[in-house]
Amino acid sequence: MLSEETQQGPFFLEELGRKNPGALYRYHQDWVELLARAAEAEAEAATPANRPA
């Protein structure tokens, strides 16, 4: 999976660039991991073994 995000303006430069280097990467990584867990849980719930009889 490839995802790219860009931010512009003084807020992003100051807050995410200088005060919290790497923050945008961490937020993005957290989001991707949450998506993966949600997809895995949905896939597991959809398996025939997990459906009510």
C-alpha atoms as a PDB file:
ATOM      1  CA  MET A   1       0.000   0.000   0.000  1.00  0.00           C
ATOM      2  CA  LEU A   2       1.269   3.430  -0.869  1.00  0.00           C
ATOM      3  CA  SER A   3      -0.209   6.554   0.632  1.00  0.00           C
ATOM      4  CA  GLU A   4       1.035  10.094   0.481  1.00  0.00           C
ATOM      5  CA  GLU A   5      -0.064  13.141   2.428  1.00  0.00           C
ATOM      6  CA  THR A   6       1.089  16.716   2.175  1.00  0.00           C
ATOM      7  CA  GLN A   7       0.373  19.707   4.359  1.00  0.00           C
ATOM      8  CA  GLN A   8       0.981  23.351   3.666  1.00  0.00           C
ATOM      9  CA  GLY A   9       1.050  26.511   5.699  1.00  0.00           C
ATOM     10  CA  PRO A  10       2.740  27.867   8.789  1.00  0.00           C
ATOM     11  CA  PHE A  11       0.747  25.760  11.275  1.00  0.00           C
ATOM     12  CA  PHE A  12       1.863  22.478   9.761  1.00  0.00           C
ATOM     13  CA  LEU A  13       5.407  23.657   9.290  1.00  0.00           C
ATOM     14  CA  GLU A  14       5.699  24.815  12.902  1.00  0.00           C
ATOM     15  CA  GLU A  15       3.567  22.250  14.767  1.00  0.00           C
ATOM     16  CA  LEU A  16       4.326  19.120  12.798  1.00  0.00           C
ATOM     17  CA  GLY A  17       7.656  20.062  11.308  1.00  0.00           C
ATOM     18  CA  ARG A  18       9.625  21.781  14.026  1.00  0.00           C
ATOM     19  CA  LYS A  19       7.863  21.047  17.325  1.00  0.00           C
ATOM     20  CA  ASN A  20       6.920  17.419  16.615  1.00  0.00           C
ATOM     21  CA  PRO A  21       9.197  15.955  13.977  1.00  0.00           C
ATOM     22  CA  GLY A  22       7.833  12.654  12.729  1.00  0.00           C
ATOM     23  CA  ALA A  23       4.330  13.293  14.101  1.00  0.00           C
ATOM     24  CA  LEU A  24       2.607  13.165  10.729  1.00  0.00           C
ATOM     25  CA  TYR A  25       4.286   9.846   9.961  1.00  0.00           C
ATOM     26  CA  ARG A  26       3.208   8.435  13.360  1.00  0.00           C
ATOM     27  CA  TYR A  27      -0.403   9.609  12.910  1.00  0.00           C
ATOM     28  CA  HIS A  28      -0.501   8.092   9.441  1.00  0.00           C
ATOM     29  CA  GLN A  29       1.011   4.815  10.666  1.00  0.00           C
ATOM     30  CA  ASP A  30      -1.558   4.607  13.485  1.00  0.00           C
ATOM     31  CA  TRP A  31      -4.353   5.169  10.969  1.00  0.00           C
ATOM     32  CA  VAL A  32      -3.051   2.432   8.640  1.00  0.00           C
ATOM     33  CA  GLU A  33      -2.729  -0.033  11.533  1.00  0.00           C
ATOM     34  CA  LEU A  34      -6.289   0.725  12.699  1.00  0.00           C
ATOM     35  CA  LEU A  35      -7.572   0.124   9.170  1.00  0.00           C
ATOM     36  CA  ALA A  36      -5.739  -3.202   9.026  1.00  0.00           C
ATOM     37  CA  ARG A  37      -7.172  -4.345  12.379  1.00  0.00           C
ATOM     38  CA  ALA A  38     -10.691  -3.356  11.314  1.00  0.00           C
ATOM     39  CA  ALA A  39     -10.337  -5.239   8.029  1.00  0.00           C
ATOM     40  CA  GLU A  40      -8.973  -8.319   9.783  1.00  0.00           C
ATOM     41  CA  ALA A  41     -11.823  -8.307  12.317  1.00  0.00           C
ATOM     42  CA  GLU A  42     -14.404  -7.965   9.547  1.00  0.00           C
ATOM     43  CA  ALA A  43     -12.829 -10.780   7.546  1.00  0.00           C
ATOM     44  CA  GLU A  44     -12.743 -13.046  10.590  1.00  0.00           C
ATOM     45  CA  ALA A  45     -16.380 -12.327  11.399  1.00  0.00           C
ATOM     46  CA  ALA A  46     -17.335 -13.222   7.830  1.00  0.00           C
ATOM     47  CA  THR A  47     -15.765 -16.700   7.882  1.00  0.00           C
ATOM     48  CA  PRO A  48     -18.252 -19.595   7.890  1.00  0.00           C
ATOM     49  CA  ALA A  49     -16.901 -20.924  11.214  1.00  0.00           C
ATOM     50  CA  ASN A  50     -17.854 -17.672  12.943  1.00  0.00           C
ATOM     51  CA  ARG A  51     -21.401 -17.397  11.591  1.00  0.00           C
ATOM     52  CA  PRO A  52     -24.283 -18.417  13.855  1.00  0.00           C
ATOM     53  CA  ALA A  53     -25.897 -21.764  12.984  1.00  0.00           C
END
